[in-house]
Amino acid sequence: MISRLASDKVAGAPISWGVCEVPGWGHQLDPDRVLTEMASLGLTATERGPDGFLPDDPAALRRLLDRHRLRLVAGFVPVVLHLPETWRRQRVDFEQRCATLAAGGAEVAVLAAATGVAGYDTTAELDDASWGHLVATIDQTAGIAARYGLATALHPHFGTVIESPAHIARLLATSPVDLCLDTGHVLVGGGDPVGIAAAAGGRICHVHLKDVDTAVAARVRHGEVSYRQAVIDGMYRPLGAGDLDLAAILATLDDAGFDGWVVLEQDTVVAAEPRPGTGPVTDARASMDFLQQAMEAA
């Protein structure tokens, strides 16, 4: 059963169109093209994407989204949480991002515990003092987000300081923060998305739904290829075309009472502007079709 999932709570992610915060990631598509293609799939909402992709000005943002009949539901916010001096410098920026999300109508700040190094090819194992600061800072970020009416969802993410099953277990044991379950990043980090969904239970408030080629994921996890190159090599697949048991993941979320947003997310690197009707929208359409069929079969 996936009875609580509904088509009106399925959103798109700009990274599925190759729009990414990592410098030098790839060709960045224009917002109008991305949002037009999202809407053409029947999606009703989007995440914000990296700074500079959508307007910061609330009126301009709402005009753009209204033109495409989309709403803003969340934004991915990578922040260095474990280094006191860095967090003090980033705090004002984090608050401004929350203000922008809230003014645009979003519901969730999706928080990633960044390493402080650009990209997702570097990780860091924290000592007890750094972990303690991480947990304290997560509490502070959740408080800031709450002042703007936003829920906080901590996103375990490969190439951050919370990526492995051990990291996730420690987080669940030491912090009350809710999670964004990213089925792909959990797998790349060495975890089982079904197991994490079961262990976290009602603490999952936001989902990034990915499918994964596990052979490519193993190569990036073992350091044989960079994260970006793994994405180019097809680590993420349209839903139903990879190796994850998506039906089991969705059923486990349903059993836990999940009723948040499901974001279709397939990290992609775009080399050049695709011809109209081609490019990332093709995979996004396949994912949308798969999810709709899964909902109809529930």
C-alpha atoms as a PDB file:
ATOM      1  CA  MET A   1       0.000   0.000   0.000  1.00  0.00           C
ATOM      2  CA  ILE A   2       1.113   3.567  -0.724  1.00  0.00           C
ATOM      3  CA  SER A   3      -2.229   5.124   0.036  1.00  0.00           C
ATOM      4  CA  ARG A   4      -0.926   8.372   1.536  1.00  0.00           C
ATOM      5  CA  LEU A   5       1.116   9.338  -1.515  1.00  0.00           C
ATOM      6  CA  ALA A   6      -0.830  11.644  -3.798  1.00  0.00           C
ATOM      7  CA  SER A   7      -0.071  13.179  -7.172  1.00  0.00           C
ATOM      8  CA  ASP A   8      -0.672  16.670  -5.745  1.00  0.00           C
ATOM      9  CA  LYS A   9       2.323  16.200  -3.417  1.00  0.00           C
ATOM     10  CA  VAL A  10       4.880  15.225  -6.060  1.00  0.00           C
ATOM     11  CA  ALA A  11       7.449  17.887  -6.922  1.00  0.00           C
ATOM     12  CA  GLY A  12      10.310  18.297  -9.345  1.00  0.00           C
ATOM     13  CA  ALA A  13      13.942  19.080  -8.588  1.00  0.00           C
ATOM     14  CA  PRO A  14      16.117  21.396 -10.714  1.00  0.00           C
ATOM     15  CA  ILE A  15      19.055  18.978 -10.329  1.00  0.00           C
ATOM     16  CA  SER A  16      17.067  16.524 -12.456  1.00  0.00           C
ATOM     17  CA  TRP A  17      17.652  19.067 -15.234  1.00  0.00           C
ATOM     18  CA  GLY A  18      21.346  19.412 -14.339  1.00  0.00           C
ATOM     19  CA  VAL A  19      20.921  22.649 -12.360  1.00  0.00           C
ATOM     20  CA  CYS A  20      23.369  22.329  -9.460  1.00  0.00           C
ATOM     21  CA  GLU A  21      25.169  24.441  -6.853  1.00  0.00           C
ATOM     22  CA  VAL A  22      28.553  22.759  -7.504  1.00  0.00           C
ATOM     23  CA  PRO A  23      30.910  25.005  -9.512  1.00  0.00           C
ATOM     24  CA  GLY A  24      31.703  23.563 -12.943  1.00  0.00           C
ATOM     25  CA  TRP A  25      28.993  20.892 -12.652  1.00  0.00           C
ATOM     26  CA  GLY A  26      27.775  21.296 -16.238  1.00  0.00           C
ATOM     27  CA  HIS A  27      25.614  23.376 -18.559  1.00  0.00           C
ATOM     28  CA  GLN A  28      22.904  25.181 -16.567  1.00  0.00           C
ATOM     29  CA  LEU A  29      19.494  25.282 -18.225  1.00  0.00           C
ATOM     30  CA  ASP A  30      17.331  28.400 -18.142  1.00  0.00           C
ATOM     31  CA  PRO A  31      14.625  28.485 -15.428  1.00  0.00           C
ATOM     32  CA  ASP A  32      11.837  29.014 -17.961  1.00  0.00           C
ATOM     33  CA  ARG A  33      12.785  25.860 -19.836  1.00  0.00           C
ATOM     34  CA  VAL A  34      13.105  23.780 -16.663  1.00  0.00           C
ATOM     35  CA  LEU A  35       9.811  24.987 -15.209  1.00  0.00           C
ATOM     36  CA  THR A  36       7.981  24.618 -18.523  1.00  0.00           C
ATOM     37  CA  GLU A  37       9.147  21.022 -18.806  1.00  0.00           C
ATOM     38  CA  MET A  38       8.245  20.296 -15.190  1.00  0.00           C
ATOM     39  CA  ALA A  39       4.714  21.567 -15.745  1.00  0.00           C
ATOM     40  CA  SER A  40       4.409  19.579 -18.982  1.00  0.00           C
ATOM     41  CA  LEU A  41       4.835  16.392 -16.921  1.00  0.00           C
ATOM     42  CA  GLY A  42       1.928  17.272 -14.655  1.00  0.00           C
ATOM     43  CA  LEU A  43       4.105  18.360 -11.753  1.00  0.00           C
ATOM     44  CA  THR A  44       2.574  21.053  -9.571  1.00  0.00           C
ATOM     45  CA  ALA A  45       5.593  22.065  -7.500  1.00  0.00           C
ATOM     46  CA  THR A  46       9.360  22.463  -7.476  1.00  0.00           C
ATOM     47  CA  GLU A  47      12.265  22.821  -5.109  1.00  0.00           C
ATOM     48  CA  ARG A  48      14.216  26.057  -5.334  1.00  0.00           C
ATOM     49  CA  GLY A  49      17.501  24.828  -6.752  1.00  0.00           C
ATOM     50  CA  PRO A  50      20.824  26.620  -6.192  1.00  0.00           C
ATOM     51  CA  ASP A  51      21.203  30.308  -5.438  1.00  0.00           C
ATOM     52  CA  GLY A  52      20.696  32.339  -8.600  1.00  0.00           C
ATOM     53  CA  PHE A  53      18.460  29.840 -10.377  1.00  0.00           C
ATOM     54  CA  LEU A  54      15.137  31.281  -9.213  1.00  0.00           C
ATOM     55  CA  PRO A  55      14.665  34.940  -8.234  1.00  0.00           C
ATOM     56  CA  ASP A  56      15.382  35.982  -4.648  1.00  0.00           C
ATOM     57  CA  ASP A  57      12.760  38.727  -4.819  1.00  0.00           C
ATOM     58  CA  PRO A  58       9.502  37.177  -3.522  1.00  0.00           C
ATOM     59  CA  ALA A  59       7.246  39.004  -5.986  1.00  0.00           C
ATOM     60  CA  ALA A  60       9.407  38.055  -8.976  1.00  0.00           C
ATOM     61  CA  LEU A  61       9.642  34.462  -7.722  1.00  0.00           C
ATOM     62  CA  ARG A  62       5.882  34.126  -7.333  1.00  0.00           C
ATOM     63  CA  ARG A  63       5.256  35.670 -10.759  1.00  0.00           C
ATOM     64  CA  LEU A  64       7.620  33.175 -12.375  1.00  0.00           C
ATOM     65  CA  LEU A  65       6.119  30.198 -10.590  1.00  0.00           C
ATOM     66  CA  ASP A  66       2.550  31.362 -11.211  1.00  0.00           C
ATOM     67  CA  ARG A  67       3.297  31.679 -14.910  1.00  0.00           C
ATOM     68  CA  HIS A  68       4.178  27.986 -14.945  1.00  0.00           C
ATOM     69  CA  ARG A  69       1.401  26.975 -12.516  1.00  0.00           C
ATOM     70  CA  LEU A  70       3.919  25.674 -10.022  1.00  0.00           C
ATOM     71  CA  ARG A  71       4.482  26.311  -6.340  1.00  0.00           C
ATOM     72  CA  LEU A  72       7.663  26.272  -4.264  1.00  0.00           C
ATOM     73  CA  VAL A  73       7.820  23.531  -1.628  1.00  0.00           C
ATOM     74  CA  ALA A  74      11.395  23.340  -0.353  1.00  0.00           C
ATOM     75  CA  GLY A  75      14.988  24.314  -0.859  1.00  0.00           C
ATOM     76  CA  PHE A  76      18.273  22.450  -0.478  1.00  0.00           C
ATOM     77  CA  VAL A  77      20.574  24.380   1.870  1.00  0.00           C
ATOM     78  CA  PRO A  78      24.127  23.034   2.379  1.00  0.00           C
ATOM     79  CA  VAL A  79      25.705  24.500   5.518  1.00  0.00           C
ATOM     80  CA  VAL A  80      28.917  23.757   7.434  1.00  0.00           C
ATOM     81  CA  LEU A  81      27.481  22.770  10.794  1.00  0.00           C
ATOM     82  CA  HIS A  82      30.421  21.181  12.624  1.00  0.00           C
ATOM     83  CA  LEU A  83      32.933  24.058  12.566  1.00  0.00           C
ATOM     84  CA  PRO A  84      32.030  26.846  15.019  1.00  0.00           C
ATOM     85  CA  GLU A  85      33.791  29.703  13.218  1.00  0.00           C
ATOM     86  CA  THR A  86      32.388  28.719   9.829  1.00  0.00           C
ATOM     87  CA  TRP A  87      28.859  28.410  11.203  1.00  0.00           C
ATOM     88  CA  ARG A  88      29.099  31.863  12.783  1.00  0.00           C
ATOM     89  CA  ARG A  89      29.965  33.275   9.352  1.00  0.00           C
ATOM     90  CA  GLN A  90      27.212  31.306   7.597  1.00  0.00           C
ATOM     91  CA  ARG A  91      24.414  31.913  10.084  1.00  0.00           C
ATOM     92  CA  VAL A  92      23.217  35.179   8.521  1.00  0.00           C
ATOM     93  CA  ASP A  93      23.258  33.592   5.062  1.00  0.00           C
ATOM     94  CA  PHE A  94      21.256  30.609   6.325  1.00  0.00           C
ATOM     95  CA  GLU A  95      18.648  32.914   7.853  1.00  0.00           C
ATOM     96  CA  GLN A  96      18.383  34.845   4.583  1.00  0.00           C
ATOM     97  CA  ARG A  97      17.839  31.604   2.673  1.00  0.00           C
ATOM     98  CA  CYS A  98      15.071  30.647   5.084  1.00  0.00           C
ATOM     99  CA  ALA A  99      13.461  34.067   4.607  1.00  0.00           C
ATOM    100  CA  THR A 100      13.601  33.637   0.825  1.00  0.00           C
ATOM    101  CA  LEU A 101      12.110  30.140   0.990  1.00  0.00           C
ATOM    102  CA  ALA A 102       9.301  31.261   3.286  1.00  0.00           C
ATOM    103  CA  ALA A 103       8.495  34.313   1.182  1.00  0.00           C
ATOM    104  CA  GLY A 104       8.238  32.040  -1.851  1.00  0.00           C
ATOM    105  CA  GLY A 105       5.722  29.785  -0.100  1.00  0.00           C
ATOM    106  CA  ALA A 106       8.013  26.874   0.736  1.00  0.00           C
ATOM    107  CA  GLU A 107       7.358  24.473   3.608  1.00  0.00           C
ATOM    108  CA  VAL A 108      10.723  22.764   4.183  1.00  0.00           C
ATOM    109  CA  ALA A 109      14.371  23.743   4.533  1.00  0.00           C
ATOM    110  CA  VAL A 110      16.348  20.703   3.386  1.00  0.00           C
ATOM    111  CA  LEU A 111      19.586  20.933   5.355  1.00  0.00           C
ATOM    112  CA  ALA A 112      22.840  19.236   4.340  1.00  0.00           C
ATOM    113  CA  ALA A 113      25.839  19.030   6.693  1.00  0.00           C
ATOM    114  CA  ALA A 114      28.486  20.247   4.268  1.00  0.00           C
ATOM    115  CA  THR A 115      32.179  19.464   4.707  1.00  0.00           C
ATOM    116  CA  GLY A 116      33.288  22.968   3.714  1.00  0.00           C
ATOM    117  CA  VAL A 117      34.864  21.692   0.482  1.00  0.00           C
ATOM    118  CA  ALA A 118      33.066  22.406  -2.810  1.00  0.00           C
ATOM    119  CA  GLY A 119      31.490  19.398  -4.461  1.00  0.00           C
ATOM    120  CA  TYR A 120      30.700  15.963  -3.071  1.00  0.00           C
ATOM    121  CA  ASP A 121      33.968  14.078  -3.430  1.00  0.00           C
ATOM    122  CA  THR A 122      35.237  14.725   0.106  1.00  0.00           C
ATOM    123  CA  THR A 123      33.909  13.512   3.423  1.00  0.00           C
ATOM    124  CA  ALA A 124      35.020  13.950   7.026  1.00  0.00           C
ATOM    125  CA  GLU A 125      34.736  11.770  10.115  1.00  0.00           C
ATOM    126  CA  LEU A 126      33.915  13.961  13.094  1.00  0.00           C
ATOM    127  CA  ASP A 127      35.401  13.628  16.555  1.00  0.00           C
ATOM    128  CA  ASP A 128      33.072  13.836  19.558  1.00  0.00           C
ATOM    129  CA  ALA A 129      33.550  17.590  19.986  1.00  0.00           C
ATOM    130  CA  SER A 130      32.757  18.312  16.338  1.00  0.00           C
ATOM    131  CA  TRP A 131      29.731  16.009  16.478  1.00  0.00           C
ATOM    132  CA  GLY A 132      28.494  17.820  19.558  1.00  0.00           C
ATOM    133  CA  HIS A 133      28.759  21.137  17.752  1.00  0.00           C
ATOM    134  CA  LEU A 134      27.004  19.634  14.727  1.00  0.00           C
ATOM    135  CA  VAL A 135      24.032  18.583  16.861  1.00  0.00           C
ATOM    136  CA  ALA A 136      23.864  21.930  18.645  1.00  0.00           C
ATOM    137  CA  THR A 137      24.004  23.790  15.343  1.00  0.00           C
ATOM    138  CA  ILE A 138      21.269  21.605  13.839  1.00  0.00           C
ATOM    139  CA  ASP A 139      19.077  22.702  16.759  1.00  0.00           C
ATOM    140  CA  GLN A 140      19.899  26.331  15.997  1.00  0.00           C
ATOM    141  CA  THR A 141      19.113  25.965  12.295  1.00  0.00           C
ATOM    142  CA  ALA A 142      15.806  24.276  13.107  1.00  0.00           C
ATOM    143  CA  GLY A 143      14.935  27.158  15.407  1.00  0.00           C
ATOM    144  CA  ILE A 144      15.771  29.716  12.738  1.00  0.00           C
ATOM    145  CA  ALA A 145      13.746  27.848  10.125  1.00  0.00           C
ATOM    146  CA  ALA A 146      10.791  27.523  12.505  1.00  0.00           C
ATOM    147  CA  ARG A 147      10.693  31.306  12.978  1.00  0.00           C
ATOM    148  CA  TYR A 148       9.959  31.505   9.252  1.00  0.00           C
ATOM    149  CA  GLY A 149       7.345  28.759   9.395  1.00  0.00           C
ATOM    150  CA  LEU A 150       9.614  26.149   7.830  1.00  0.00           C
ATOM    151  CA  ALA A 151      10.155  22.550   8.862  1.00  0.00           C
ATOM    152  CA  THR A 152      13.771  21.362   8.862  1.00  0.00           C
ATOM    153  CA  ALA A 153      14.727  18.084   7.175  1.00  0.00           C
ATOM    154  CA  LEU A 154      18.345  16.969   7.579  1.00  0.00           C
ATOM    155  CA  HIS A 155      19.493  15.358   4.343  1.00  0.00           C
ATOM    156  CA  PRO A 156      22.050  12.515   4.658  1.00  0.00           C
ATOM    157  CA  HIS A 157      24.075  13.095   1.494  1.00  0.00           C
ATOM    158  CA  PHE A 158      27.175  11.503   0.005  1.00  0.00           C
ATOM    159  CA  GLY A 159      30.163  13.826   0.295  1.00  0.00           C
ATOM    160  CA  THR A 160      28.914  15.448   3.519  1.00  0.00           C
ATOM    161  CA  VAL A 161      29.647  14.644   7.155  1.00  0.00           C
ATOM    162  CA  ILE A 162      26.393  12.640   7.410  1.00  0.00           C
ATOM    163  CA  GLU A 163      26.453  10.037   4.643  1.00  0.00           C
ATOM    164  CA  SER A 164      26.818   6.509   6.043  1.00  0.00           C
ATOM    165  CA  PRO A 165      24.418   4.252   7.986  1.00  0.00           C
ATOM    166  CA  ALA A 166      26.533   4.814  11.117  1.00  0.00           C
ATOM    167  CA  HIS A 167      26.257   8.585  10.701  1.00  0.00           C
ATOM    168  CA  ILE A 168      22.486   8.365  10.258  1.00  0.00           C
ATOM    169  CA  ALA A 169      22.080   6.105  13.289  1.00  0.00           C
ATOM    170  CA  ARG A 170      24.154   8.463  15.412  1.00  0.00           C
ATOM    171  CA  LEU A 171      22.126  11.433  14.206  1.00  0.00           C
ATOM    172  CA  LEU A 172      18.835   9.728  15.070  1.00  0.00           C
ATOM    173  CA  ALA A 173      20.184   8.907  18.526  1.00  0.00           C
ATOM    174  CA  THR A 174      21.596  12.363  19.329  1.00  0.00           C
ATOM    175  CA  SER A 175      19.311  14.873  17.582  1.00  0.00           C
ATOM    176  CA  PRO A 176      15.525  15.191  17.316  1.00  0.00           C
ATOM    177  CA  VAL A 177      15.755  16.649  13.793  1.00  0.00           C
ATOM    178  CA  ASP A 178      13.519  15.166  11.104  1.00  0.00           C
ATOM    179  CA  LEU A 179      15.069  13.698   7.957  1.00  0.00           C
ATOM    180  CA  CYS A 180      14.890  14.097   4.227  1.00  0.00           C
ATOM    181  CA  LEU A 181      15.169  10.538   2.939  1.00  0.00           C
ATOM    182  CA  ASP A 182      17.129  10.601  -0.297  1.00  0.00           C
ATOM    183  CA  THR A 183      16.925   7.016  -1.510  1.00  0.00           C
ATOM    184  CA  GLY A 184      19.913   7.447  -3.802  1.00  0.00           C
ATOM    185  CA  HIS A 185      22.293   9.115  -1.380  1.00  0.00           C
ATOM    186  CA  VAL A 186      21.465   6.578   1.333  1.00  0.00           C
ATOM    187  CA  LEU A 187      22.415   3.762  -1.067  1.00  0.00           C
ATOM    188  CA  VAL A 188      25.582   5.486  -2.311  1.00  0.00           C
ATOM    189  CA  GLY A 189      26.608   6.041   1.310  1.00  0.00           C
ATOM    190  CA  GLY A 190      26.366   2.297   1.963  1.00  0.00           C
ATOM    191  CA  GLY A 191      22.891   2.159   3.493  1.00  0.00           C
ATOM    192  CA  ASP A 192      19.595   0.439   2.787  1.00  0.00           C
ATOM    193  CA  PRO A 193      16.824   2.948   2.005  1.00  0.00           C
ATOM    194  CA  VAL A 194      14.119   0.547   3.187  1.00  0.00           C
ATOM    195  CA  GLY A 195      15.953  -0.023   6.467  1.00  0.00           C
ATOM    196  CA  ILE A 196      16.511   3.704   7.010  1.00  0.00           C
ATOM    197  CA  ALA A 197      12.855   4.422   6.226  1.00  0.00           C
ATOM    198  CA  ALA A 198      11.843   1.824   8.815  1.00  0.00           C
ATOM    199  CA  ALA A 199      14.371   2.971  11.440  1.00  0.00           C
ATOM    200  CA  ALA A 200      13.532   6.662  11.109  1.00  0.00           C
ATOM    201  CA  GLY A 201       9.792   5.994  11.043  1.00  0.00           C
ATOM    202  CA  GLY A 202       7.751   9.131  11.555  1.00  0.00           C
ATOM    203  CA  ARG A 203      10.852  11.339  11.525  1.00  0.00           C
ATOM    204  CA  ILE A 204      10.980  11.408   7.718  1.00  0.00           C
ATOM    205  CA  CYS A 205       9.183  14.572   6.614  1.00  0.00           C
ATOM    206  CA  HIS A 206      10.493  14.980   3.053  1.00  0.00           C
ATOM    207  CA  VAL A 207      11.632  12.514   0.374  1.00  0.00           C
ATOM    208  CA  HIS A 208      13.972  12.753  -2.606  1.00  0.00           C
ATOM    209  CA  LEU A 209      13.040   9.703  -4.641  1.00  0.00           C
ATOM    210  CA  LYS A 210      15.852   8.322  -6.787  1.00  0.00           C
ATOM    211  CA  ASP A 211      16.674   5.027  -8.468  1.00  0.00           C
ATOM    212  CA  VAL A 212      20.274   3.840  -8.617  1.00  0.00           C
ATOM    213  CA  ASP A 213      22.646   1.648 -10.607  1.00  0.00           C
ATOM    214  CA  THR A 214      24.234  -0.118  -7.638  1.00  0.00           C
ATOM    215  CA  ALA A 215      27.385  -1.116  -9.545  1.00  0.00           C
ATOM    216  CA  VAL A 216      28.215   2.517 -10.338  1.00  0.00           C
ATOM    217  CA  ALA A 217      27.289   3.529  -6.789  1.00  0.00           C
ATOM    218  CA  ALA A 218      29.759   0.993  -5.390  1.00  0.00           C
ATOM    219  CA  ARG A 219      32.538   2.507  -7.515  1.00  0.00           C
ATOM    220  CA  VAL A 220      31.956   6.013  -6.156  1.00  0.00           C
ATOM    221  CA  ARG A 221      31.562   4.720  -2.580  1.00  0.00           C
ATOM    222  CA  HIS A 222      34.909   2.914  -2.832  1.00  0.00           C
ATOM    223  CA  GLY A 223      36.681   5.961  -4.236  1.00  0.00           C
ATOM    224  CA  GLU A 224      37.194   4.521  -7.722  1.00  0.00           C
ATOM    225  CA  VAL A 225      35.390   7.402  -9.441  1.00  0.00           C
ATOM    226  CA  SER A 226      34.326  10.897  -8.411  1.00  0.00           C
ATOM    227  CA  TYR A 227      30.723  11.646  -7.523  1.00  0.00           C
ATOM    228  CA  ARG A 228      30.255  13.906 -10.547  1.00  0.00           C
ATOM    229  CA  GLN A 229      31.775  11.322 -12.895  1.00  0.00           C
ATOM    230  CA  ALA A 230      29.500   8.658 -11.427  1.00  0.00           C
ATOM    231  CA  VAL A 231      26.519  10.876 -12.240  1.00  0.00           C
ATOM    232  CA  ILE A 232      27.811  11.254 -15.806  1.00  0.00           C
ATOM    233  CA  ASP A 233      28.240   7.467 -15.939  1.00  0.00           C
ATOM    234  CA  GLY A 234      24.547   6.956 -15.169  1.00  0.00           C
ATOM    235  CA  MET A 235      24.592   6.208 -11.442  1.00  0.00           C
ATOM    236  CA  TYR A 236      21.078   7.616 -11.150  1.00  0.00           C
ATOM    237  CA  ARG A 237      18.390   6.103 -13.317  1.00  0.00           C
ATOM    238  CA  PRO A 238      14.751   6.951 -14.062  1.00  0.00           C
ATOM    239  CA  LEU A 239      12.467   5.451 -11.442  1.00  0.00           C
ATOM    240  CA  GLY A 240      11.980   1.754 -12.145  1.00  0.00           C
ATOM    241  CA  ALA A 241      15.090   1.508 -14.337  1.00  0.00           C
ATOM    242  CA  GLY A 242      17.589   1.049 -11.504  1.00  0.00           C
ATOM    243  CA  ASP A 243      18.190  -1.501  -8.771  1.00  0.00           C
ATOM    244  CA  LEU A 244      16.231  -0.108  -5.812  1.00  0.00           C
ATOM    245  CA  ASP A 245      13.057  -1.756  -4.511  1.00  0.00           C
ATOM    246  CA  LEU A 246      10.993   1.403  -4.814  1.00  0.00           C
ATOM    247  CA  ALA A 247       7.730  -0.346  -4.005  1.00  0.00           C
ATOM    248  CA  ALA A 248       9.155  -1.488  -0.658  1.00  0.00           C
ATOM    249  CA  ILE A 249      10.490   1.995   0.094  1.00  0.00           C
ATOM    250  CA  LEU A 250       7.138   3.623  -0.648  1.00  0.00           C
ATOM    251  CA  ALA A 251       5.237   0.993   1.323  1.00  0.00           C
ATOM    252  CA  THR A 252       7.533   1.474   4.339  1.00  0.00           C
ATOM    253  CA  LEU A 253       7.007   5.235   4.217  1.00  0.00           C
ATOM    254  CA  ASP A 254       3.268   4.712   3.984  1.00  0.00           C
ATOM    255  CA  ASP A 255       3.292   2.358   6.965  1.00  0.00           C
ATOM    256  CA  ALA A 256       5.139   5.043   8.971  1.00  0.00           C
ATOM    257  CA  GLY A 257       2.425   7.582   8.154  1.00  0.00           C
ATOM    258  CA  PHE A 258       4.499   9.707   5.778  1.00  0.00           C
ATOM    259  CA  ASP A 259       2.382  12.454   4.202  1.00  0.00           C
ATOM    260  CA  GLY A 260       5.009  14.936   3.030  1.00  0.00           C
ATOM    261  CA  TRP A 261       6.299  15.859  -0.398  1.00  0.00           C
ATOM    262  CA  VAL A 262       7.927  13.321  -2.695  1.00  0.00           C
ATOM    263  CA  VAL A 263      10.474  15.009  -4.954  1.00  0.00           C
ATOM    264  CA  LEU A 264      11.455  13.252  -8.167  1.00  0.00           C
ATOM    265  CA  GLU A 265      15.209  13.699  -8.239  1.00  0.00           C
ATOM    266  CA  GLN A 266      17.697  12.221 -10.683  1.00  0.00           C
ATOM    267  CA  ASP A 267      21.022  14.052 -10.451  1.00  0.00           C
ATOM    268  CA  THR A 268      22.162  14.806 -13.982  1.00  0.00           C
ATOM    269  CA  VAL A 269      25.058  16.545 -15.702  1.00  0.00           C
ATOM    270  CA  VAL A 270      24.046  18.332 -18.923  1.00  0.00           C
ATOM    271  CA  ALA A 271      26.873  18.923 -21.383  1.00  0.00           C
ATOM    272  CA  ALA A 272      25.092  21.368 -23.708  1.00  0.00           C
ATOM    273  CA  GLU A 273      21.625  22.777 -24.413  1.00  0.00           C
ATOM    274  CA  PRO A 274      19.398  19.876 -25.521  1.00  0.00           C
ATOM    275  CA  ARG A 275      17.111  20.141 -28.511  1.00  0.00           C
ATOM    276  CA  PRO A 276      13.458  20.911 -27.605  1.00  0.00           C
ATOM    277  CA  GLY A 277      11.700  17.819 -26.284  1.00  0.00           C
ATOM    278  CA  THR A 278      14.952  16.001 -25.575  1.00  0.00           C
ATOM    279  CA  GLY A 279      17.404  15.865 -22.701  1.00  0.00           C
ATOM    280  CA  PRO A 280      16.573  15.497 -19.001  1.00  0.00           C
ATOM    281  CA  VAL A 281      12.816  15.804 -19.546  1.00  0.00           C
ATOM    282  CA  THR A 282      12.848  12.356 -21.158  1.00  0.00           C
ATOM    283  CA  ASP A 283      14.075  10.640 -17.990  1.00  0.00           C
ATOM    284  CA  ALA A 284      11.852  12.841 -15.811  1.00  0.00           C
ATOM    285  CA  ARG A 285       8.816  11.764 -17.840  1.00  0.00           C
ATOM    286  CA  ALA A 286       9.722   8.096 -17.388  1.00  0.00           C
ATOM    287  CA  SER A 287      10.022   8.626 -13.618  1.00  0.00           C
ATOM    288  CA  MET A 288       6.697  10.440 -13.446  1.00  0.00           C
ATOM    289  CA  ASP A 289       4.995   7.672 -15.422  1.00  0.00           C
ATOM    290  CA  PHE A 290       6.446   5.033 -13.089  1.00  0.00           C
ATOM    291  CA  LEU A 291       5.276   6.832  -9.947  1.00  0.00           C
ATOM    292  CA  GLN A 292       1.790   7.445 -11.321  1.00  0.00           C
ATOM    293  CA  GLN A 293       1.439   3.761 -12.179  1.00  0.00           C
ATOM    294  CA  ALA A 294       2.615   2.816  -8.671  1.00  0.00           C
ATOM    295  CA  MET A 295       0.013   5.122  -7.127  1.00  0.00           C
ATOM    296  CA  GLU A 296      -2.754   3.768  -9.342  1.00  0.00           C
ATOM    297  CA  ALA A 297      -1.836   0.188  -8.422  1.00  0.00           C
ATOM    298  CA  ALA A 298      -1.966   0.907  -4.659  1.00  0.00           C
END
